[in-house]
C-alpha cells in the first residue's frame, strides 16, 4: 500500500515538471545573434584565462620541485591545479570551436 506522503510527493513533482515545461516552452535560448557572439567571446576569454592559469600552475610546480621548496603548496598540488585549469580551458575552447563551426555551417547554408 502506498502512503499518502509518497502520492503527494509524486503529485508535487509532476506539478513542478509541468511548470518547467510551460516556463521554457516558448523561450529561445538566445534572443539574437549578437547575444550568441557575446557568449562565444566570453567562452573564449574564460578559456584563455584558464589556459594561462594552467601554465602558471605548472611553472610553479616545476620551480618548486626543482628548487625543492614549498611555494605555498606542494609541487604535486600545483600540478593537480594545472590539470584542473587545463581541463577548464579545454571546455571553454570547445564551446568556442563549436560555436564558430555552427556559424560557419549557417553561413554556407545561406550562400546556397
PDB file of N, CA and C in Angstrom:
ATOM      1  N   UNK A   1       0.839  -1.169   0.000  1.00  0.00           N
ATOM      2  CA  UNK A   1       0.000   0.000   0.000  1.00  0.00           C
ATOM      3  C   UNK A   1       0.894   1.246   0.000  1.00  0.00           C
ATOM      4  N   UNK A   2       0.573   2.218  -0.833  1.00  0.00           N
ATOM      5  CA  UNK A   2       1.364   3.441  -0.961  1.00  0.00           C
ATOM      6  C   UNK A   2       0.862   4.455   0.064  1.00  0.00           C
ATOM      7  N   UNK A   3       1.804   5.050   0.769  1.00  0.00           N
ATOM      8  CA  UNK A   3       1.409   6.020   1.786  1.00  0.00           C
ATOM      9  C   UNK A   3       0.966   7.333   1.145  1.00  0.00           C
ATOM     10  N   UNK A   4       0.255   8.115   1.905  1.00  0.00           N
ATOM     11  CA  UNK A   4      -0.277   9.396   1.420  1.00  0.00           C
ATOM     12  C   UNK A   4       0.844  10.372   1.075  1.00  0.00           C
ATOM     13  N   UNK A   5       1.933  10.357   1.847  1.00  0.00           N
ATOM     14  CA  UNK A   5       3.031  11.298   1.601  1.00  0.00           C
ATOM     15  C   UNK A   5       3.750  10.993   0.285  1.00  0.00           C
ATOM     16  N   UNK A   6       3.860   9.710  -0.072  1.00  0.00           N
ATOM     17  CA  UNK A   6       4.505   9.341  -1.333  1.00  0.00           C
ATOM     18  C   UNK A   6       3.673   9.834  -2.513  1.00  0.00           C
ATOM     19  N   UNK A   7       2.358   9.672  -2.437  1.00  0.00           N
ATOM     20  CA  UNK A   7       1.469  10.120  -3.505  1.00  0.00           C
ATOM     21  C   UNK A   7       1.535  11.637  -3.631  1.00  0.00           C
ATOM     22  N   UNK A   8       1.568  12.340  -2.500  1.00  0.00           N
ATOM     23  CA  UNK A   8       1.639  13.805  -2.507  1.00  0.00           C
ATOM     24  C   UNK A   8       2.956  14.276  -3.125  1.00  0.00           C
ATOM     25  N   UNK A   9       4.065  13.607  -2.803  1.00  0.00           N
ATOM     26  CA  UNK A   9       5.365  13.978  -3.365  1.00  0.00           C
ATOM     27  C   UNK A   9       5.384  13.770  -4.878  1.00  0.00           C
ATOM     28  N   UNK A  10       4.767  12.670  -5.347  1.00  0.00           N
ATOM     29  CA  UNK A  10       4.708  12.418  -6.788  1.00  0.00           C
ATOM     30  C   UNK A  10       3.895  13.497  -7.482  1.00  0.00           C
ATOM     31  N   UNK A  11       2.775  13.901  -6.887  1.00  0.00           N
ATOM     32  CA  UNK A  11       1.953  14.958  -7.477  1.00  0.00           C
ATOM     33  C   UNK A  11       2.702  16.277  -7.512  1.00  0.00           C
ATOM     34  N   UNK A  12       3.461  16.585  -6.439  1.00  0.00           N
ATOM     35  CA  UNK A  12       4.246  17.811  -6.408  1.00  0.00           C
ATOM     36  C   UNK A  12       5.323  17.787  -7.485  1.00  0.00           C
ATOM     37  N   UNK A  13       5.965  16.640  -7.681  1.00  0.00           N
ATOM     38  CA  UNK A  13       6.998  16.525  -8.705  1.00  0.00           C
ATOM     39  C   UNK A  13       6.412  16.713 -10.096  1.00  0.00           C
ATOM     40  N   UNK A  14       5.233  16.142 -10.335  1.00  0.00           N
ATOM     41  CA  UNK A  14       4.581  16.292 -11.629  1.00  0.00           C
ATOM     42  C   UNK A  14       4.203  17.750 -11.855  1.00  0.00           C
ATOM     43  N   UNK A  15       3.712  18.425 -10.814  1.00  0.00           N
ATOM     44  CA  UNK A  15       3.347  19.827 -10.939  1.00  0.00           C
ATOM     45  C   UNK A  15       4.566  20.677 -11.238  1.00  0.00           C
ATOM     46  N   UNK A  16       5.683  20.419 -10.566  1.00  0.00           N
ATOM     47  CA  UNK A  16       6.911  21.178 -10.816  1.00  0.00           C
ATOM     48  C   UNK A  16       7.396  20.958 -12.233  1.00  0.00           C
ATOM     49  N   UNK A  17       7.323  19.724 -12.720  1.00  0.00           N
ATOM     50  CA  UNK A  17       7.765  19.446 -14.081  1.00  0.00           C
ATOM     51  C   UNK A  17       6.885  20.164 -15.090  1.00  0.00           C
ATOM     52  N   UNK A  18       5.573  20.191 -14.860  1.00  0.00           N
ATOM     53  CA  UNK A  18       4.699  20.860 -15.812  1.00  0.00           C
ATOM     54  C   UNK A  18       4.937  22.360 -15.793  1.00  0.00           C
ATOM     55  N   UNK A  19       5.263  22.923 -14.642  1.00  0.00           N
ATOM     56  CA  UNK A  19       5.576  24.349 -14.571  1.00  0.00           C
ATOM     57  C   UNK A  19       6.834  24.642 -15.379  1.00  0.00           C
ATOM     58  N   UNK A  20       7.845  23.793 -15.260  1.00  0.00           N
ATOM     59  CA  UNK A  20       9.075  23.999 -16.016  1.00  0.00           C
ATOM     60  C   UNK A  20       8.828  23.903 -17.512  1.00  0.00           C
ATOM     61  N   UNK A  21       8.017  22.945 -17.934  1.00  0.00           N
ATOM     62  CA  UNK A  21       7.731  22.803 -19.362  1.00  0.00           C
ATOM     63  C   UNK A  21       7.049  24.043 -19.903  1.00  0.00           C
ATOM     64  N   UNK A  22       6.088  24.579 -19.168  1.00  0.00           N
ATOM     65  CA  UNK A  22       5.394  25.773 -19.619  1.00  0.00           C
ATOM     66  C   UNK A  22       6.313  26.980 -19.593  1.00  0.00           C
ATOM     67  N   UNK A  23       7.196  27.027 -18.613  1.00  0.00           N
ATOM     68  CA  UNK A  23       8.069  28.175 -18.474  1.00  0.00           C
ATOM     69  C   UNK A  23       9.065  28.264 -19.630  1.00  0.00           C
ATOM     70  N   UNK A  24       9.600  27.135 -20.072  1.00  0.00           N
ATOM     71  CA  UNK A  24      10.627  27.135 -21.102  1.00  0.00           C
ATOM     72  C   UNK A  24      10.105  26.758 -22.482  1.00  0.00           C
ATOM     73  N   UNK A  25       8.836  26.535 -22.626  1.00  0.00           N
ATOM     74  CA  UNK A  25       8.301  26.041 -23.886  1.00  0.00           C
ATOM     75  C   UNK A  25       8.474  27.052 -25.024  1.00  0.00           C
ATOM     76  N   UNK A  26       8.115  28.307 -24.800  1.00  0.00           N
ATOM     77  CA  UNK A  26       8.130  29.296 -25.865  1.00  0.00           C
ATOM     78  C   UNK A  26       9.417  30.111 -25.907  1.00  0.00           C
ATOM     79  N   UNK A  27      10.302  29.902 -24.975  1.00  0.00           N
ATOM     80  CA  UNK A  27      11.512  30.696 -24.912  1.00  0.00           C
ATOM     81  C   UNK A  27      12.605  30.113 -25.784  1.00  0.00           C
ATOM     82  N   UNK A  28      13.324  30.960 -26.476  1.00  0.00           N
ATOM     83  CA  UNK A  28      14.503  30.526 -27.221  1.00  0.00           C
ATOM     84  C   UNK A  28      15.716  30.689 -26.322  1.00  0.00           C
ATOM     85  N   UNK A  29      16.756  29.908 -26.541  1.00  0.00           N
ATOM     86  CA  UNK A  29      17.916  30.002 -25.658  1.00  0.00           C
ATOM     87  C   UNK A  29      18.618  31.360 -25.744  1.00  0.00           C
ATOM     88  N   UNK A  30      18.621  31.964 -26.932  1.00  0.00           N
ATOM     89  CA  UNK A  30      19.267  33.259 -27.107  1.00  0.00           C
ATOM     90  C   UNK A  30      18.301  34.205 -27.804  1.00  0.00           C
ATOM     91  N   UNK A  31      18.396  35.461 -27.472  1.00  0.00           N
ATOM     92  CA  UNK A  31      17.492  36.455 -28.036  1.00  0.00           C
ATOM     93  C   UNK A  31      17.901  36.852 -29.458  1.00  0.00           C
ATOM     94  N   UNK A  32      19.208  36.974 -29.708  1.00  0.00           N
ATOM     95  CA  UNK A  32      19.674  37.417 -31.019  1.00  0.00           C
ATOM     96  C   UNK A  32      21.053  36.818 -31.310  1.00  0.00           C
ATOM     97  N   UNK A  33      21.514  37.036 -32.535  1.00  0.00           N
ATOM     98  CA  UNK A  33      22.843  36.553 -32.929  1.00  0.00           C
ATOM     99  C   UNK A  33      23.946  37.263 -32.156  1.00  0.00           C
ATOM    100  N   UNK A  34      23.721  38.527 -31.829  1.00  0.00           N
ATOM    101  CA  UNK A  34      24.732  39.273 -31.078  1.00  0.00           C
ATOM    102  C   UNK A  34      24.927  38.684 -29.678  1.00  0.00           C
ATOM    103  N   UNK A  35      23.862  38.202 -29.081  1.00  0.00           N
ATOM    104  CA  UNK A  35      23.973  37.556 -27.773  1.00  0.00           C
ATOM    105  C   UNK A  35      24.778  36.263 -27.876  1.00  0.00           C
ATOM    106  N   UNK A  36      24.592  35.540 -28.973  1.00  0.00           N
ATOM    107  CA  UNK A  36      25.360  34.307 -29.194  1.00  0.00           C
ATOM    108  C   UNK A  36      26.842  34.638 -29.379  1.00  0.00           C
ATOM    109  N   UNK A  37      27.120  35.678 -30.169  1.00  0.00           N
ATOM    110  CA  UNK A  37      28.519  36.077 -30.382  1.00  0.00           C
ATOM    111  C   UNK A  37      29.170  36.522 -29.078  1.00  0.00           C
ATOM    112  N   UNK A  38      28.419  37.223 -28.244  1.00  0.00           N
ATOM    113  CA  UNK A  38      28.942  37.645 -26.947  1.00  0.00           C
ATOM    114  C   UNK A  38      29.241  36.437 -26.071  1.00  0.00           C
ATOM    115  N   UNK A  39      28.366  35.442 -26.109  1.00  0.00           N
ATOM    116  CA  UNK A  39      28.567  34.217 -25.325  1.00  0.00           C
ATOM    117  C   UNK A  39      29.811  33.457 -25.805  1.00  0.00           C
ATOM    118  N   UNK A  40      30.004  33.400 -27.113  1.00  0.00           N
ATOM    119  CA  UNK A  40      31.193  32.732 -27.660  1.00  0.00           C
ATOM    120  C   UNK A  40      32.454  33.480 -27.244  1.00  0.00           C
ATOM    121  N   UNK A  41      32.404  34.798 -27.294  1.00  0.00           N
ATOM    122  CA  UNK A  41      33.550  35.620 -26.895  1.00  0.00           C
ATOM    123  C   UNK A  41      33.866  35.399 -25.417  1.00  0.00           C
ATOM    124  N   UNK A  42      32.839  35.320 -24.578  1.00  0.00           N
ATOM    125  CA  UNK A  42      33.052  35.083 -23.149  1.00  0.00           C
ATOM    126  C   UNK A  42      33.665  33.704 -22.894  1.00  0.00           C
ATOM    127  N   UNK A  43      33.224  32.705 -23.648  1.00  0.00           N
ATOM    128  CA  UNK A  43      33.813  31.359 -23.507  1.00  0.00           C
ATOM    129  C   UNK A  43      35.276  31.369 -23.919  1.00  0.00           C
ATOM    130  N   UNK A  44      35.600  32.103 -24.972  1.00  0.00           N
ATOM    131  CA  UNK A  44      36.991  32.216 -25.412  1.00  0.00           C
ATOM    132  C   UNK A  44      37.849  32.908 -24.374  1.00  0.00           C
ATOM    133  N   UNK A  45      37.309  33.942 -23.759  1.00  0.00           N
ATOM    134  CA  UNK A  45      38.046  34.663 -22.719  1.00  0.00           C
ATOM    135  C   UNK A  45      38.276  33.767 -21.509  1.00  0.00           C
ATOM    136  N   UNK A  46      37.246  33.020 -21.116  1.00  0.00           N
ATOM    137  CA  UNK A  46      37.378  32.082 -19.999  1.00  0.00           C
ATOM    138  C   UNK A  46      38.438  31.026 -20.308  1.00  0.00           C
ATOM    139  N   UNK A  47      38.441  30.535 -21.545  1.00  0.00           N
ATOM    140  CA  UNK A  47      39.416  29.515 -21.931  1.00  0.00           C
ATOM    141  C   UNK A  47      40.833  30.068 -21.877  1.00  0.00           C
ATOM    142  N   UNK A  48      41.010  31.304 -22.333  1.00  0.00           N
ATOM    143  CA  UNK A  48      42.344  31.908 -22.312  1.00  0.00           C
ATOM    144  C   UNK A  48      42.836  32.097 -20.880  1.00  0.00           C
ATOM    145  N   UNK A  49      41.966  32.577 -20.006  1.00  0.00           N
ATOM    146  CA  UNK A  49      42.356  32.775 -18.606  1.00  0.00           C
ATOM    147  C   UNK A  49      42.706  31.435 -17.968  1.00  0.00           C
ATOM    148  N   UNK A  50      41.907  30.405 -18.224  1.00  0.00           N
ATOM    149  CA  UNK A  50      42.191  29.077 -17.670  1.00  0.00           C
ATOM    150  C   UNK A  50      43.485  28.504 -18.226  1.00  0.00           C
ATOM    151  N   UNK A  51      43.752  28.763 -19.488  1.00  0.00           N
ATOM    152  CA  UNK A  51      44.977  28.257 -20.106  1.00  0.00           C
ATOM    153  C   UNK A  51      46.208  28.921 -19.494  1.00  0.00           C
ATOM    154  N   UNK A  52      46.146  30.239 -19.296  1.00  0.00           N
ATOM    155  CA  UNK A  52      47.276  30.926 -18.659  1.00  0.00           C
ATOM    156  C   UNK A  52      47.450  30.470 -17.214  1.00  0.00           C
ATOM    157  N   UNK A  53      46.350  30.243 -16.510  1.00  0.00           N
ATOM    158  CA  UNK A  53      46.439  29.727 -15.138  1.00  0.00           C
ATOM    159  C   UNK A  53      47.085  28.345 -15.132  1.00  0.00           C
ATOM    160  N   UNK A  54      46.761  27.533 -16.124  1.00  0.00           N
ATOM    161  CA  UNK A  54      47.359  26.198 -16.239  1.00  0.00           C
ATOM    162  C   UNK A  54      48.871  26.301 -16.380  1.00  0.00           C
ATOM    163  N   UNK A  55      49.326  27.199 -17.260  1.00  0.00           N
ATOM    164  CA  UNK A  55      50.770  27.371 -17.455  1.00  0.00           C
ATOM    165  C   UNK A  55      51.449  27.892 -16.183  1.00  0.00           C
ATOM    166  N   UNK A  56      50.808  28.824 -15.496  1.00  0.00           N
ATOM    167  CA  UNK A  56      51.388  29.378 -14.274  1.00  0.00           C
ATOM    168  C   UNK A  56      51.465  28.314 -13.189  1.00  0.00           C
ATOM    169  N   UNK A  57      50.399  27.538 -13.017  1.00  0.00           N
ATOM    170  CA  UNK A  57      50.409  26.482 -12.001  1.00  0.00           C
ATOM    171  C   UNK A  57      51.471  25.432 -12.312  1.00  0.00           C
ATOM    172  N   UNK A  58      51.592  25.058 -13.576  1.00  0.00           N
ATOM    173  CA  UNK A  58      52.612  24.068 -13.953  1.00  0.00           C
ATOM    174  C   UNK A  58      54.017  24.622 -13.696  1.00  0.00           C
ATOM    175  N   UNK A  59      54.236  25.893 -14.029  1.00  0.00           N
ATOM    176  CA  UNK A  59      55.552  26.507 -13.799  1.00  0.00           C
ATOM    177  C   UNK A  59      55.872  26.550 -12.309  1.00  0.00           C
ATOM    178  N   UNK A  60      54.885  26.901 -11.482  1.00  0.00           N
ATOM    179  CA  UNK A  60      55.123  26.912 -10.039  1.00  0.00           C
ATOM    180  C   UNK A  60      55.436  25.508  -9.526  1.00  0.00           C
ATOM    181  N   UNK A  61      54.785  24.499 -10.071  1.00  0.00           N
ATOM    182  CA  UNK A  61      55.075  23.122  -9.675  1.00  0.00           C
ATOM    183  C   UNK A  61      56.478  22.707 -10.065  1.00  0.00           C
ATOM    184  N   UNK A  62      56.909  23.060 -11.266  1.00  0.00           N
ATOM    185  CA  UNK A  62      58.259  22.708 -11.735  1.00  0.00           C
ATOM    186  C   UNK A  62      59.309  23.448 -10.920  1.00  0.00           C
ATOM    187  N   UNK A  63      59.091  24.737 -10.714  1.00  0.00           N
ATOM    188  CA  UNK A  63      60.067  25.525  -9.944  1.00  0.00           C
ATOM    189  C   UNK A  63      60.163  25.010  -8.510  1.00  0.00           C
ATOM    190  N   UNK A  64      59.016  24.753  -7.891  1.00  0.00           N
ATOM    191  CA  UNK A  64      59.034  24.246  -6.520  1.00  0.00           C
ATOM    192  C   UNK A  64      59.712  22.900  -6.407  1.00  0.00           C
ATOM    193  N   UNK A  65      59.519  22.044  -7.415  1.00  0.00           N
ATOM    194  CA  UNK A  65      60.150  20.724  -7.383  1.00  0.00           C
ATOM    195  C   UNK A  65      61.643  20.823  -7.668  1.00  0.00           C
ATOM    196  N   UNK A  66      62.038  21.714  -8.587  1.00  0.00           N
ATOM    197  CA  UNK A  66      63.461  21.843  -8.940  1.00  0.00           C
ATOM    198  C   UNK A  66      64.272  22.426  -7.788  1.00  0.00           C
ATOM    199  N   UNK A  67      63.707  23.410  -7.115  1.00  0.00           N
ATOM    200  CA  UNK A  67      64.417  24.060  -6.019  1.00  0.00           C
ATOM    201  C   UNK A  67      64.209  23.310  -4.703  1.00  0.00           C
ATOM    202  N   UNK A  68      63.236  22.392  -4.704  1.00  0.00           N
ATOM    203  CA  UNK A  68      62.906  21.582  -3.535  1.00  0.00           C
ATOM    204  C   UNK A  68      62.408  22.439  -2.374  1.00  0.00           C
ATOM    205  N   UNK A  69      61.524  23.385  -2.701  1.00  0.00           N
ATOM    206  CA  UNK A  69      60.893  24.203  -1.667  1.00  0.00           C
ATOM    207  C   UNK A  69      59.373  24.149  -1.871  1.00  0.00           C
ATOM    208  N   UNK A  70      58.656  24.626  -0.870  1.00  0.00           N
ATOM    209  CA  UNK A  70      57.205  24.677  -0.949  1.00  0.00           C
ATOM    210  C   UNK A  70      56.792  26.116  -1.257  1.00  0.00           C
ATOM    211  N   UNK A  71      56.153  26.318  -2.376  1.00  0.00           N
ATOM    212  CA  UNK A  71      55.686  27.651  -2.777  1.00  0.00           C
ATOM    213  C   UNK A  71      54.196  27.794  -2.441  1.00  0.00           C
ATOM    214  N   UNK A  72      53.898  27.764  -1.168  1.00  0.00           N
ATOM    215  CA  UNK A  72      52.509  27.847  -0.737  1.00  0.00           C
ATOM    216  C   UNK A  72      51.840  26.480  -0.715  1.00  0.00           C
ATOM    217  N   UNK A  73      52.034  25.707  -1.761  1.00  0.00           N
ATOM    218  CA  UNK A  73      51.521  24.345  -1.856  1.00  0.00           C
ATOM    219  C   UNK A  73      52.665  23.427  -2.261  1.00  0.00           C
ATOM    220  N   UNK A  74      52.467  22.148  -2.073  1.00  0.00           N
ATOM    221  CA  UNK A  74      53.449  21.170  -2.553  1.00  0.00           C
ATOM    222  C   UNK A  74      53.434  21.139  -4.078  1.00  0.00           C
ATOM    223  N   UNK A  75      54.496  20.662  -4.672  1.00  0.00           N
ATOM    224  CA  UNK A  75      54.617  20.628  -6.132  1.00  0.00           C
ATOM    225  C   UNK A  75      53.508  19.824  -6.781  1.00  0.00           C
ATOM    226  N   UNK A  76      53.147  18.704  -6.196  1.00  0.00           N
ATOM    227  CA  UNK A  76      52.091  17.865  -6.762  1.00  0.00           C
ATOM    228  C   UNK A  76      50.755  18.605  -6.769  1.00  0.00           C
ATOM    229  N   UNK A  77      50.506  19.399  -5.746  1.00  0.00           N
ATOM    230  CA  UNK A  77      49.267  20.179  -5.708  1.00  0.00           C
ATOM    231  C   UNK A  77      49.231  21.206  -6.829  1.00  0.00           C
ATOM    232  N   UNK A  78      50.370  21.825  -7.126  1.00  0.00           N
ATOM    233  CA  UNK A  78      50.424  22.774  -8.250  1.00  0.00           C
ATOM    234  C   UNK A  78      50.166  22.054  -9.567  1.00  0.00           C
ATOM    235  N   UNK A  79      50.700  20.848  -9.705  1.00  0.00           N
ATOM    236  CA  UNK A  79      50.465  20.086 -10.933  1.00  0.00           C
ATOM    237  C   UNK A  79      48.990  19.685 -11.064  1.00  0.00           C
ATOM    238  N   UNK A  80      48.381  19.307  -9.956  1.00  0.00           N
ATOM    239  CA  UNK A  80      46.956  18.967  -9.995  1.00  0.00           C
ATOM    240  C   UNK A  80      46.104  20.188 -10.339  1.00  0.00           C
ATOM    241  N   UNK A  81      46.459  21.350  -9.804  1.00  0.00           N
ATOM    242  CA  UNK A  81      45.762  22.584 -10.170  1.00  0.00           C
ATOM    243  C   UNK A  81      45.956  22.892 -11.653  1.00  0.00           C
ATOM    244  N   UNK A  82      47.151  22.619 -12.163  1.00  0.00           N
ATOM    245  CA  UNK A  82      47.408  22.839 -13.592  1.00  0.00           C
ATOM    246  C   UNK A  82      46.522  21.923 -14.443  1.00  0.00           C
ATOM    247  N   UNK A  83      46.342  20.687 -14.017  1.00  0.00           N
ATOM    248  CA  UNK A  83      45.478  19.755 -14.757  1.00  0.00           C
ATOM    249  C   UNK A  83      44.038  20.240 -14.756  1.00  0.00           C
ATOM    250  N   UNK A  84      43.549  20.666 -13.591  1.00  0.00           N
ATOM    251  CA  UNK A  84      42.162  21.159 -13.495  1.00  0.00           C
ATOM    252  C   UNK A  84      41.978  22.409 -14.358  1.00  0.00           C
ATOM    253  N   UNK A  85      42.931  23.334 -14.295  1.00  0.00           N
ATOM    254  CA  UNK A  85      42.835  24.544 -15.112  1.00  0.00           C
ATOM    255  C   UNK A  85      42.911  24.196 -16.594  1.00  0.00           C
ATOM    256  N   UNK A  86      43.734  23.216 -16.951  1.00  0.00           N
ATOM    257  CA  UNK A  86      43.819  22.792 -18.342  1.00  0.00           C
ATOM    258  C   UNK A  86      42.521  22.174 -18.839  1.00  0.00           C
ATOM    259  N   UNK A  87      41.873  21.384 -18.004  1.00  0.00           N
ATOM    260  CA  UNK A  87      40.572  20.819 -18.385  1.00  0.00           C
ATOM    261  C   UNK A  87      39.522  21.912 -18.539  1.00  0.00           C
ATOM    262  N   UNK A  88      39.551  22.906 -17.658  1.00  0.00           N
ATOM    263  CA  UNK A  88      38.630  24.038 -17.799  1.00  0.00           C
ATOM    264  C   UNK A  88      38.903  24.799 -19.089  1.00  0.00           C
ATOM    265  N   UNK A  89      40.156  24.934 -19.456  1.00  0.00           N
ATOM    266  CA  UNK A  89      40.492  25.616 -20.704  1.00  0.00           C
ATOM    267  C   UNK A  89      39.964  24.837 -21.903  1.00  0.00           C
ATOM    268  N   UNK A  90      40.058  23.518 -21.848  1.00  0.00           N
ATOM    269  CA  UNK A  90      39.540  22.695 -22.951  1.00  0.00           C
ATOM    270  C   UNK A  90      38.038  22.894 -23.105  1.00  0.00           C
ATOM    271  N   UNK A  91      37.320  22.976 -21.992  1.00  0.00           N
ATOM    272  CA  UNK A  91      35.867  23.178 -22.051  1.00  0.00           C
ATOM    273  C   UNK A  91      35.546  24.502 -22.736  1.00  0.00           C
ATOM    274  N   UNK A  92      36.222  25.561 -22.326  1.00  0.00           N
ATOM    275  CA  UNK A  92      35.980  26.863 -22.947  1.00  0.00           C
ATOM    276  C   UNK A  92      36.339  26.883 -24.420  1.00  0.00           C
ATOM    277  N   UNK A  93      37.462  26.260 -24.773  1.00  0.00           N
ATOM    278  CA  UNK A  93      37.861  26.205 -26.179  1.00  0.00           C
ATOM    279  C   UNK A  93      36.868  25.394 -27.006  1.00  0.00           C
ATOM    280  N   UNK A  94      36.351  24.311 -26.439  1.00  0.00           N
ATOM    281  CA  UNK A  94      35.372  23.502 -27.176  1.00  0.00           C
ATOM    282  C   UNK A  94      34.096  24.285 -27.454  1.00  0.00           C
ATOM    283  N   UNK A  95      33.627  25.072 -26.482  1.00  0.00           N
ATOM    284  CA  UNK A  95      32.451  25.907 -26.719  1.00  0.00           C
ATOM    285  C   UNK A  95      32.712  26.894 -27.853  1.00  0.00           C
ATOM    286  N   UNK A  96      33.884  27.495 -27.846  1.00  0.00           N
ATOM    287  CA  UNK A  96      34.230  28.466 -28.878  1.00  0.00           C
ATOM    288  C   UNK A  96      34.296  27.800 -30.246  1.00  0.00           C
ATOM    289  N   UNK A  97      34.943  26.653 -30.323  1.00  0.00           N
ATOM    290  CA  UNK A  97      35.085  25.950 -31.599  1.00  0.00           C
ATOM    291  C   UNK A  97      33.722  25.517 -32.138  1.00  0.00           C
ATOM    292  N   UNK A  98      32.894  24.954 -31.279  1.00  0.00           N
ATOM    293  CA  UNK A  98      31.576  24.502 -31.727  1.00  0.00           C
ATOM    294  C   UNK A  98      30.729  25.684 -32.186  1.00  0.00           C
ATOM    295  N   UNK A  99      30.771  26.779 -31.443  1.00  0.00           N
ATOM    296  CA  UNK A  99      30.012  27.966 -31.837  1.00  0.00           C
ATOM    297  C   UNK A  99      30.458  28.517 -33.182  1.00  0.00           C
ATOM    298  N   UNK A 100      31.763  28.621 -33.388  1.00  0.00           N
ATOM    299  CA  UNK A 100      32.277  29.116 -34.672  1.00  0.00           C
ATOM    300  C   UNK A 100      31.953  28.146 -35.793  1.00  0.00           C
ATOM    301  N   UNK A 101      32.009  26.858 -35.513  1.00  0.00           N
ATOM    302  CA  UNK A 101      31.676  25.856 -36.523  1.00  0.00           C
ATOM    303  C   UNK A 101      30.211  25.985 -36.944  1.00  0.00           C
ATOM    304  N   UNK A 102      29.320  26.161 -35.970  1.00  0.00           N
ATOM    305  CA  UNK A 102      27.905  26.303 -36.294  1.00  0.00           C
ATOM    306  C   UNK A 102      27.638  27.592 -37.075  1.00  0.00           C
ATOM    307  N   UNK A 103      28.356  28.660 -36.750  1.00  0.00           N
ATOM    308  CA  UNK A 103      28.221  29.885 -37.535  1.00  0.00           C
ATOM    309  C   UNK A 103      28.706  29.663 -38.970  1.00  0.00           C
ATOM    310  N   UNK A 104      29.775  28.888 -39.141  1.00  0.00           N
ATOM    311  CA  UNK A 104      30.277  28.588 -40.475  1.00  0.00           C
ATOM    312  C   UNK A 104      29.287  27.765 -41.283  1.00  0.00           C
ATOM    313  N   UNK A 105      28.669  26.765 -40.658  1.00  0.00           N
ATOM    314  CA  UNK A 105      27.659  25.957 -41.345  1.00  0.00           C
ATOM    315  C   UNK A 105      26.481  26.834 -41.747  1.00  0.00           C
ATOM    316  N   UNK A 106      26.079  27.735 -40.861  1.00  0.00           N
ATOM    317  CA  UNK A 106      24.960  28.620 -41.168  1.00  0.00           C
ATOM    318  C   UNK A 106      25.298  29.548 -42.337  1.00  0.00           C
ATOM    319  N   UNK A 107      26.526  30.048 -42.375  1.00  0.00           N
ATOM    320  CA  UNK A 107      26.944  30.926 -43.472  1.00  0.00           C
ATOM    321  C   UNK A 107      26.979  30.160 -44.800  1.00  0.00           C
ATOM    322  N   UNK A 108      27.437  28.909 -44.780  1.00  0.00           N
ATOM    323  CA  UNK A 108      27.446  28.096 -46.005  1.00  0.00           C
ATOM    324  C   UNK A 108      26.039  27.841 -46.501  1.00  0.00           C
ATOM    325  N   UNK A 109      25.118  27.564 -45.575  1.00  0.00           N
ATOM    326  CA  UNK A 109      23.736  27.315 -45.969  1.00  0.00           C
ATOM    327  C   UNK A 109      23.071  28.570 -46.545  1.00  0.00           C
ATOM    328  N   UNK A 110      23.444  29.743 -46.068  1.00  0.00           N
ATOM    329  CA  UNK A 110      22.892  30.989 -46.599  1.00  0.00           C
ATOM    330  C   UNK A 110      23.396  31.260 -48.017  1.00  0.00           C
ATOM    331  N   UNK A 111      24.643  30.860 -48.297  1.00  0.00           N
ATOM    332  CA  UNK A 111      25.214  31.065 -49.631  1.00  0.00           C
ATOM    333  C   UNK A 111      24.536  30.203 -50.671  1.00  0.00           C
ATOM    334  N   UNK A 112      24.063  29.029 -50.290  1.00  0.00           N
ATOM    335  CA  UNK A 112      23.431  28.111 -51.256  1.00  0.00           C
ATOM    336  C   UNK A 112      22.061  28.526 -51.561  1.00  0.00           C
TER     337      UNK A 112
END
